[in-house]
Amino acid sequence: MHSDEPTAIDEATLRDYLADRLPPEGSARVEKALRDSASLRARLEDVRDDREDFQLHSLGAIWRRARLTCPTRQQLGSYLLDALDPELGDYFRFHLEVVECPFCRANLADLEAQGAAASAASASRSRQQRILKSSAHLLGDDAV
C-alpha cells in the first residue's frame, strides 16, 4: 500500500486538518488525498460532524464571530450623539436592545463611560476657570 493512500490518513490527522493545525506539507498531502478519494471525503465529513466545534463553522457562527451585523465603534459613538440616519439608528437600537449583542453593548457602555468622564473633566476645568477669574482681583495684576 502506498503511503499517500487515504487509509494512511487517520481521524486525528483529519481533525488537525479541519482545525488548520497541520504544517503546509501535511495539509497539501491531505488535500491531494481528498481530491483523489471519495471515501476519504466521506470520512472527513464524518469527522467534521463528530467534532465538538462543529457548529463553530456554520454560516451563522461565522457571521456572529466576524460580527458582520455589528456597528463600528465610531458608528456607536454617532448613535450616542443621535447623529445617524433614522433608519440606521433604528437598526442599531434593535441590535442593542432586541438582539442584545454583548459586544456592542459593552462598546456602548464604554463609550458612555468615556463620555461621562470627559463631561466631568470639562465641568471641573470650567469650574476651575470660574474660580480663578472670580479671585483674580485678590492675586493682583500678575496672576491672570
Protein backbone atom coordinates (compact mmCIF):
# COMPACT_ATOMS: atom_id res chain seq x y z
CA MET A 1 0.00 0.00 0.00
CA HIS A 2 1.27 3.46 -0.95
CA SER A 3 1.83 5.92 1.98
CA ASP A 4 -0.41 8.58 0.36
CA GLU A 5 -3.42 6.23 0.34
CA PRO A 6 -6.46 7.62 2.20
CA THR A 7 -6.16 4.88 4.83
CA ALA A 8 -2.80 6.39 5.85
CA ILE A 9 -4.69 9.49 6.95
CA ASP A 10 -6.25 8.84 10.34
CA GLU A 11 -9.04 10.70 12.14
CA ALA A 12 -6.59 12.71 14.25
CA THR A 13 -4.95 13.99 11.07
CA LEU A 14 -8.36 14.87 9.63
CA ARG A 15 -9.29 16.74 12.84
CA ASP A 16 -5.98 18.62 12.69
CA TYR A 17 -6.64 19.38 9.02
CA LEU A 18 -10.08 20.82 9.84
CA ALA A 19 -8.62 22.89 12.68
CA ASP A 20 -5.81 24.15 10.40
CA ARG A 21 -3.16 22.68 12.70
CA LEU A 22 -1.17 20.77 10.09
CA PRO A 23 2.07 22.06 8.61
CA PRO A 24 1.73 23.17 4.97
CA GLU A 25 3.09 19.89 3.59
CA GLY A 26 0.66 17.90 5.76
CA SER A 27 -2.27 19.99 4.59
CA ALA A 28 -1.18 19.57 0.98
CA ARG A 29 -0.98 15.79 1.44
CA VAL A 30 -4.48 15.64 2.93
CA GLU A 31 -5.92 17.91 0.23
CA LYS A 32 -4.43 15.80 -2.55
CA ALA A 33 -5.77 12.64 -0.93
CA LEU A 34 -9.21 14.27 -0.56
CA ARG A 35 -9.27 15.15 -4.26
CA ASP A 36 -8.41 11.58 -5.17
CA SER A 37 -10.66 9.66 -2.77
CA ALA A 38 -14.42 9.80 -2.31
CA SER A 39 -14.14 7.50 0.72
CA LEU A 40 -11.70 9.90 2.40
CA ARG A 41 -14.05 12.82 1.69
CA ALA A 42 -16.84 10.81 3.38
CA ARG A 43 -14.57 10.13 6.37
CA LEU A 44 -13.76 13.85 6.53
CA GLU A 45 -17.48 14.66 6.69
CA ASP A 46 -17.93 12.10 9.48
CA VAL A 47 -15.06 13.66 11.43
CA ARG A 48 -16.48 17.15 10.80
CA ASP A 49 -19.93 16.09 12.02
CA ASP A 50 -18.50 14.45 15.16
CA ARG A 51 -16.36 17.40 16.24
CA GLU A 52 -17.32 19.32 19.35
CA ASP A 53 -16.79 22.59 17.48
CA PHE A 54 -18.93 21.54 14.50
CA GLN A 55 -21.31 24.47 14.90
CA LEU A 56 -18.38 26.89 15.06
CA HIS A 57 -18.02 26.51 11.31
CA SER A 58 -21.65 27.06 10.36
CA LEU A 59 -22.52 30.15 8.36
CA GLY A 60 -24.38 31.60 11.35
CA ALA A 61 -21.45 31.02 13.68
CA ILE A 62 -19.01 32.62 11.25
CA TRP A 63 -21.42 35.54 10.78
CA ARG A 64 -21.63 36.06 14.56
CA ARG A 65 -17.90 35.55 15.15
CA ALA A 66 -16.97 38.11 12.50
CA ARG A 67 -19.69 40.41 13.89
CA LEU A 68 -20.86 41.22 10.38
CA THR A 69 -24.03 42.92 11.66
CA CYS A 70 -22.31 44.92 14.40
CA PRO A 71 -21.75 48.66 14.06
CA THR A 72 -18.23 50.02 14.35
CA ARG A 73 -17.17 51.83 17.49
CA GLN A 74 -17.31 55.12 15.56
CA GLN A 75 -20.88 54.35 14.46
CA LEU A 76 -21.82 53.57 18.07
CA GLY A 77 -20.41 56.97 19.04
CA SER A 78 -22.58 58.60 16.39
CA TYR A 79 -25.54 56.60 17.73
CA LEU A 80 -24.89 58.04 21.21
CA LEU A 81 -24.83 61.55 19.74
CA ASP A 82 -28.05 60.79 17.80
CA ALA A 83 -26.17 61.73 14.64
CA LEU A 84 -27.25 58.82 12.44
CA ASP A 85 -29.74 58.41 9.66
CA PRO A 86 -33.02 57.47 11.43
CA GLU A 87 -33.22 54.03 9.76
CA LEU A 88 -29.65 53.19 10.76
CA GLY A 89 -30.34 54.43 14.28
CA ASP A 90 -33.42 52.16 14.41
CA TYR A 91 -31.30 49.20 13.32
CA PHE A 92 -28.66 49.94 15.99
CA ARG A 93 -31.40 50.27 18.63
CA PHE A 94 -32.77 46.87 17.52
CA HIS A 95 -29.27 45.37 17.56
CA LEU A 96 -28.59 46.68 21.07
CA GLU A 97 -31.99 46.28 22.71
CA VAL A 98 -33.61 43.28 20.99
CA VAL A 99 -30.65 41.21 19.81
CA GLU A 100 -28.75 42.37 22.91
CA CYS A 101 -25.37 41.92 21.24
CA PRO A 102 -22.96 41.64 24.18
CA PHE A 103 -20.02 43.00 22.19
CA CYS A 104 -21.86 46.14 21.06
CA ARG A 105 -23.48 46.68 24.46
CA ALA A 106 -20.04 46.56 26.08
CA ASN A 107 -18.67 49.01 23.50
CA LEU A 108 -21.63 51.31 24.05
CA ALA A 109 -21.22 51.18 27.84
CA ASP A 110 -17.53 52.01 27.45
CA LEU A 111 -18.31 54.95 25.15
CA GLU A 112 -20.94 56.22 27.61
CA ALA A 113 -18.43 55.97 30.48
CA GLN A 114 -15.80 57.82 28.44
CA GLY A 115 -18.35 60.50 27.58
CA ALA A 116 -19.34 60.89 31.22
CA ALA A 117 -15.69 61.11 32.29
CA ALA A 118 -14.96 63.71 29.61
CA SER A 119 -18.01 65.69 30.68
CA ALA A 120 -16.93 65.59 34.33
CA ALA A 121 -13.38 66.67 33.41
CA SER A 122 -14.74 69.53 31.30
CA ALA A 123 -17.03 70.67 34.12
CA SER A 124 -14.11 70.55 36.54
CA ARG A 125 -11.93 72.66 34.21
CA SER A 126 -14.77 75.12 33.73
CA ARG A 127 -15.28 75.37 37.50
CA GLN A 128 -11.54 75.96 38.00
CA GLN A 129 -11.56 78.73 35.39
CA ARG A 130 -14.56 80.42 37.03
CA ILE A 131 -12.89 80.28 40.46
CA LEU A 132 -9.64 81.65 39.06
CA LYS A 133 -11.42 84.51 37.28
CA SER A 134 -13.53 85.35 40.33
CA SER A 135 -10.46 85.51 42.58
CA ALA A 136 -8.03 87.12 40.13
CA HIS A 137 -8.51 90.54 41.74
CA LEU A 138 -7.20 89.06 45.02
CA LEU A 139 -3.98 87.85 43.38
CA GLY A 140 -3.05 91.12 41.74
CA ASP A 141 -2.44 92.05 38.11
CA ASP A 142 0.27 89.41 37.54
CA ALA A 143 -1.96 86.40 38.29
CA VAL A 144 -4.02 86.26 35.12
